[in-house]
Amino acid sequence: VARAIMEHTSETMLVGEKASDFAKMMGFPEESLENANTEAQQRQWVKNKCQPNMYRNLVGVTDHCPPYAPPLPRPDTHTHTRTHKRAPPAPHGPSERPKSDSAAAQPEEDLDTSYQNHDTIGAIAMDFWGNIAAGASSNGAGHKVPGRVGDAAIVGAGAYADSEVGAAVATGDGDIMMRFLPAFAAVNLMAQGVPPTQACEGALAPIISKYPLFTGALLCLHNTATFGAAAYRWNFVFSYQDETMAAPVAVKVIPMHPSDPSI
C-alpha cells in the first residue's frame, strides 16, 4: 500500500479510513488483524478495566475502560473580574521536576516500555552497487489509543536512508523518539563525517536531555559498509551479515546509561 501511495499519488502519507479506501481502490484485499490470541488478550485487558493503557490525565483513566472524561478545570483557571498579581513560580532544575496534581498522571517517558513488550523491527540493506534501503515495522506496545500513528510510518523517525550517505533505524519508545526524527538526525551526522556509532549516540543525545527516562536505540550504516549502534537504558542487540558470511552475527550494545532491572 505504501508503494502504491508513492507510485500512484503525489502524497506522502494517507491515514485512517480514507487510507483503507485507497488500498481497496488499488486492489488490496481487506483482511482482519484479529486472531484467537489477540482476542484473548483483548478480553483479559477489558476484564482488567483496560489497564494498562496509553491515556493520561483524564477522569477515570485508571478505574475503567474508555471513554473517559476530560479533567475538571483547576480552581486557579477560573475567570475573575478582579486582577491580582501572582508570585512567580519557584525555579526547578532537572532533578526537581514539577509534580502533577493528577493521581492518574504518568510521565510519558516512564511508560512501561522495554524489549519484553515493545520493539520496532528495523532493517538496513545495501546492495553490490551501494544502493541503500531502510525499513521499520512497528511491533509496538499494546492497547494504544485508536488513531495513533507510530514512528515507523514517519520518514526520518523509525527509519531513514540516503544512498549517498547511509541509513539508520530506530527502536524503543517511538512516541518520544519520533518528535526528534532520530534516524534522519543520525544520517545527517554521518553526512558531516561523524562515524556511525558516534552518529547514533549524537542523535539520541537531544532525546536523553529532554526525556531522561525514555528507552531506545539506533542502528546506523555508512555507505562505506561501516556500521555502529547506540542504546539508552536498553540492553540492545542487533545482527549483521554480508555476502562473505554463512550466518548473521549478533552484537550486544553497551547502553549509554545502565539499564534498570525492570528493562
Protein backbone atom coordinates (compact mmCIF):
# COMPACT_ATOMS: atom_id res chain seq x y z
CA VAL A 1 0.00 0.00 0.00
CA ALA A 2 2.84 2.38 0.88
CA ARG A 3 4.46 1.74 -2.51
CA ALA A 4 1.12 2.36 -4.23
CA ILE A 5 0.87 5.74 -2.49
CA MET A 6 4.41 6.57 -3.61
CA GLU A 7 3.92 5.46 -7.21
CA HIS A 8 0.33 6.49 -7.86
CA THR A 9 -0.20 9.69 -5.84
CA SER A 10 1.67 12.91 -5.12
CA GLU A 11 1.04 12.48 -1.39
CA THR A 12 3.48 11.29 1.28
CA MET A 13 1.09 9.68 3.74
CA LEU A 14 -2.53 8.56 3.94
CA VAL A 15 -4.08 7.54 7.27
CA GLY A 16 -7.33 6.34 8.74
CA GLU A 17 -10.50 5.29 6.92
CA LYS A 18 -9.60 7.03 3.69
CA ALA A 19 -6.28 5.21 3.55
CA SER A 20 -8.26 1.96 3.68
CA ASP A 21 -10.47 3.22 0.87
CA PHE A 22 -7.39 3.95 -1.24
CA ALA A 23 -5.97 0.48 -0.56
CA LYS A 24 -9.21 -1.17 -1.67
CA MET A 25 -9.30 1.03 -4.77
CA MET A 26 -5.81 -0.23 -5.62
CA GLY A 27 -6.99 -3.83 -5.37
CA PHE A 28 -5.60 -4.83 -1.98
CA PRO A 29 -7.82 -7.31 -0.09
CA GLU A 30 -9.37 -6.20 3.18
CA GLU A 31 -8.36 -8.56 5.98
CA SER A 32 -8.86 -8.65 9.73
CA LEU A 33 -5.86 -8.34 12.02
CA GLU A 34 -7.68 -10.19 14.79
CA ASN A 35 -6.91 -13.77 15.74
CA ALA A 36 -7.57 -16.06 18.69
CA ASN A 37 -4.51 -14.75 20.54
CA THR A 38 -5.34 -11.04 20.15
CA GLU A 39 -9.00 -11.64 21.02
CA ALA A 40 -7.96 -13.42 24.23
CA GLN A 41 -5.62 -10.57 25.12
CA GLN A 42 -8.40 -8.05 24.49
CA ARG A 43 -10.84 -9.93 26.75
CA GLN A 44 -8.26 -10.08 29.53
CA TRP A 45 -7.49 -6.38 29.12
CA VAL A 46 -11.15 -5.42 29.36
CA LYS A 47 -11.56 -7.71 32.38
CA ASN A 48 -8.67 -5.78 33.96
CA LYS A 49 -10.56 -2.50 33.45
CA CYS A 50 -8.44 -1.70 30.38
CA GLN A 51 -5.23 -1.42 32.37
CA PRO A 52 -2.61 -0.50 31.32
CA ASN A 53 -3.47 1.98 28.59
CA MET A 54 -1.91 4.96 26.84
CA TYR A 55 -4.37 7.61 28.04
CA ARG A 56 -3.32 10.03 30.75
CA ASN A 57 -4.63 12.95 32.82
CA LEU A 58 -8.28 12.02 32.27
CA VAL A 59 -11.04 11.30 34.75
CA GLY A 60 -11.45 7.56 35.28
CA VAL A 61 -8.38 6.57 33.29
CA THR A 62 -7.23 4.13 35.98
CA ASP A 63 -10.69 2.93 37.02
CA HIS A 64 -12.49 1.70 33.90
CA CYS A 65 -12.37 1.32 30.12
CA PRO A 66 -12.81 4.22 27.67
CA PRO A 67 -14.46 6.56 27.05
CA TYR A 68 -13.00 8.92 29.63
CA ALA A 69 -13.89 12.44 30.68
CA PRO A 70 -11.63 15.48 30.44
CA PRO A 71 -10.24 16.71 33.76
CA LEU A 72 -12.13 19.35 35.69
CA PRO A 73 -10.75 22.90 35.38
CA ARG A 74 -8.31 23.84 38.10
CA PRO A 75 -9.62 26.40 40.62
CA ASP A 76 -6.99 28.93 39.63
CA THR A 77 -8.04 28.88 35.95
CA HIS A 78 -11.50 30.40 36.58
CA THR A 79 -12.09 33.85 35.14
CA HIS A 80 -12.13 36.65 37.71
CA THR A 81 -13.07 40.27 37.27
CA ARG A 82 -10.54 41.33 39.89
CA THR A 83 -6.94 41.43 38.75
CA HIS A 84 -4.16 40.34 41.04
CA LYS A 85 -0.50 39.61 40.81
CA ARG A 86 0.69 36.06 41.29
CA ALA A 87 4.01 35.13 42.81
CA PRO A 88 6.50 33.80 40.24
CA PRO A 89 6.87 30.02 40.19
CA ALA A 90 9.73 28.53 42.15
CA PRO A 91 12.69 27.61 39.96
CA HIS A 92 13.37 23.95 39.43
CA GLY A 93 16.30 22.09 37.98
CA PRO A 94 16.42 18.80 36.07
CA SER A 95 16.13 16.77 39.27
CA GLU A 96 13.30 18.93 40.64
CA ARG A 97 10.53 18.42 38.13
CA PRO A 98 7.10 19.97 38.69
CA LYS A 99 4.72 17.39 40.11
CA SER A 100 1.30 16.81 38.57
CA ASP A 101 -1.75 17.19 40.78
CA SER A 102 -3.46 14.32 38.97
CA ALA A 103 -3.32 10.93 40.64
CA ALA A 104 -3.58 9.34 37.19
CA ALA A 105 -0.68 11.28 35.73
CA GLN A 106 2.20 9.24 34.39
CA PRO A 107 5.41 10.69 32.92
CA GLU A 108 5.27 9.89 29.23
CA GLU A 109 8.94 8.94 29.15
CA ASP A 110 8.41 6.50 32.00
CA LEU A 111 5.75 4.31 30.40
CA ASP A 112 6.19 0.54 30.59
CA THR A 113 8.39 0.23 27.51
CA SER A 114 11.00 -2.49 27.22
CA TYR A 115 12.31 -5.16 24.90
CA GLN A 116 9.95 -7.55 26.69
CA ASN A 117 6.79 -5.87 25.42
CA HIS A 118 7.72 -3.29 22.83
CA ASP A 119 10.11 -3.42 19.91
CA THR A 120 10.14 -1.84 16.48
CA ILE A 121 11.76 -4.14 13.93
CA GLY A 122 14.22 -2.16 11.79
CA ALA A 123 16.38 -3.32 8.90
CA ILE A 124 19.02 -1.76 6.64
CA ALA A 125 20.23 -3.29 3.37
CA MET A 126 22.96 -2.24 0.91
CA ASP A 127 23.40 -3.95 -2.45
CA PHE A 128 26.51 -4.52 -4.60
CA TRP A 129 26.12 -1.11 -6.28
CA GLY A 130 25.83 0.78 -2.99
CA ASN A 131 22.08 1.37 -3.08
CA ILE A 132 20.81 1.58 0.50
CA ALA A 133 17.31 0.93 1.82
CA ALA A 134 15.93 1.07 5.35
CA GLY A 135 12.62 -0.03 6.74
CA ALA A 136 10.79 -0.30 10.05
CA SER A 137 7.80 -2.40 11.04
CA SER A 138 6.17 -1.19 14.23
CA ASN A 139 5.65 -4.09 16.60
CA GLY A 140 4.61 -1.55 19.18
CA ALA A 141 3.17 -1.62 22.66
CA GLY A 142 -0.34 -2.98 23.08
CA HIS A 143 -3.57 -1.11 23.85
CA LYS A 144 -2.63 2.07 22.00
CA VAL A 145 -5.09 4.93 21.60
CA PRO A 146 -7.19 4.32 18.44
CA GLY A 147 -5.97 6.55 15.62
CA ARG A 148 -2.37 6.61 16.82
CA VAL A 149 0.33 6.95 14.13
CA GLY A 150 3.63 5.37 15.15
CA ASP A 151 7.21 6.32 14.41
CA ALA A 152 7.67 3.55 11.82
CA ALA A 153 5.41 5.48 9.44
CA ILE A 154 7.19 8.81 9.88
CA VAL A 155 10.05 9.35 7.45
CA GLY A 156 13.19 10.09 9.47
CA ALA A 157 11.76 8.77 12.74
CA GLY A 158 11.64 4.97 12.52
CA ALA A 159 13.93 4.75 9.51
CA TYR A 160 15.82 6.91 7.02
CA ALA A 161 18.13 6.14 4.10
CA ASP A 162 20.26 8.16 1.71
CA SER A 163 22.49 6.12 -0.58
CA GLU A 164 24.96 8.99 -0.81
CA VAL A 165 25.48 8.82 2.96
CA GLY A 166 23.98 5.82 4.74
CA ALA A 167 20.94 4.81 6.75
CA ALA A 168 19.60 4.47 10.28
CA VAL A 169 16.73 2.68 12.01
CA ALA A 170 15.31 3.32 15.46
CA THR A 171 13.56 1.23 18.10
CA GLY A 172 12.19 1.88 21.56
CA ASP A 173 9.68 4.43 22.79
CA GLY A 174 8.61 5.62 19.36
CA ASP A 175 6.15 8.23 20.60
CA ILE A 176 9.01 10.04 22.30
CA MET A 177 11.66 9.39 19.66
CA MET A 178 9.55 10.43 16.66
CA ARG A 179 9.48 14.02 17.91
CA PHE A 180 13.22 14.24 17.25
CA LEU A 181 13.47 12.35 13.90
CA PRO A 182 16.45 10.40 15.24
CA ALA A 183 17.04 8.28 12.13
CA PHE A 184 17.29 11.40 9.96
CA ALA A 185 19.47 13.12 12.56
CA ALA A 186 21.88 10.17 12.61
CA VAL A 187 22.21 10.10 8.81
CA ASN A 188 22.72 13.86 8.81
CA LEU A 189 25.55 13.48 11.33
CA MET A 190 27.19 10.80 9.17
CA ALA A 191 26.93 13.21 6.21
CA GLN A 192 29.04 15.61 8.28
CA GLY A 193 31.75 12.98 8.75
CA VAL A 194 30.69 11.57 12.11
CA PRO A 195 31.33 7.78 12.37
CA PRO A 196 28.23 5.54 12.63
CA THR A 197 28.43 4.73 16.34
CA GLN A 198 29.01 8.36 17.31
CA ALA A 199 26.25 9.44 14.91
CA CYS A 200 23.81 7.12 16.66
CA GLU A 201 24.87 8.48 20.04
CA GLY A 202 24.61 12.06 18.81
CA ALA A 203 21.09 11.50 17.51
CA LEU A 204 19.98 10.06 20.86
CA ALA A 205 21.58 12.87 22.89
CA PRO A 206 18.82 15.51 22.46
CA ILE A 207 16.16 12.92 23.33
CA ILE A 208 18.02 11.97 26.51
CA SER A 209 18.35 15.61 27.50
CA LYS A 210 14.57 16.15 27.29
CA TYR A 211 13.33 12.70 28.36
CA PRO A 212 15.96 11.10 30.62
CA LEU A 213 13.65 8.15 31.43
CA PHE A 214 12.91 7.13 27.85
CA THR A 215 14.19 3.85 26.40
CA GLY A 216 15.51 3.43 22.87
CA ALA A 217 18.25 2.50 20.42
CA LEU A 218 19.59 3.40 16.98
CA LEU A 219 21.45 1.35 14.35
CA CYS A 220 23.49 3.22 11.74
CA LEU A 221 25.14 2.10 8.48
CA HIS A 222 27.52 4.27 6.43
CA ASN A 223 27.76 3.78 2.68
CA THR A 224 31.34 2.58 3.18
CA ALA A 225 29.78 -0.52 4.84
CA THR A 226 30.87 0.54 8.32
CA PHE A 227 28.19 0.41 10.96
CA GLY A 228 27.51 1.06 14.62
CA ALA A 229 24.74 1.38 17.16
CA ALA A 230 23.82 3.14 20.38
CA ALA A 231 21.27 2.37 23.07
CA TYR A 232 19.91 4.19 26.10
CA ARG A 233 18.57 2.31 29.14
CA TRP A 234 18.27 -0.79 26.97
CA ASN A 235 20.31 -3.99 26.57
CA PHE A 236 20.06 -3.69 22.79
CA VAL A 237 21.19 -6.44 20.39
CA PHE A 238 21.40 -6.24 16.60
CA SER A 239 22.73 -8.60 13.93
CA TYR A 240 24.55 -8.16 10.63
CA GLN A 241 25.59 -10.27 7.66
CA ASP A 242 27.37 -9.69 4.33
CA GLU A 243 27.93 -11.85 1.26
CA THR A 244 31.05 -13.42 2.74
CA MET A 245 29.28 -14.71 5.86
CA ALA A 246 27.43 -18.01 6.15
CA ALA A 247 25.26 -16.75 9.01
CA PRO A 248 24.45 -13.47 10.74
CA VAL A 249 26.40 -12.34 13.79
CA ALA A 250 24.69 -10.83 16.85
CA VAL A 251 26.21 -7.78 18.54
CA LYS A 252 25.41 -6.60 22.06
CA VAL A 253 25.43 -2.84 22.53
CA ILE A 254 26.59 -1.37 25.83
CA PRO A 255 23.89 1.09 26.93
CA MET A 256 24.72 4.76 27.23
CA HIS A 257 23.05 4.55 30.65
CA PRO A 258 22.93 1.49 32.96
CA SER A 259 19.71 -0.44 32.35
CA ASP A 260 17.12 -0.59 35.09
CA PRO A 261 16.41 -4.08 36.49
CA SER A 262 12.91 -3.89 35.04
CA ILE A 263 14.12 -3.41 31.46
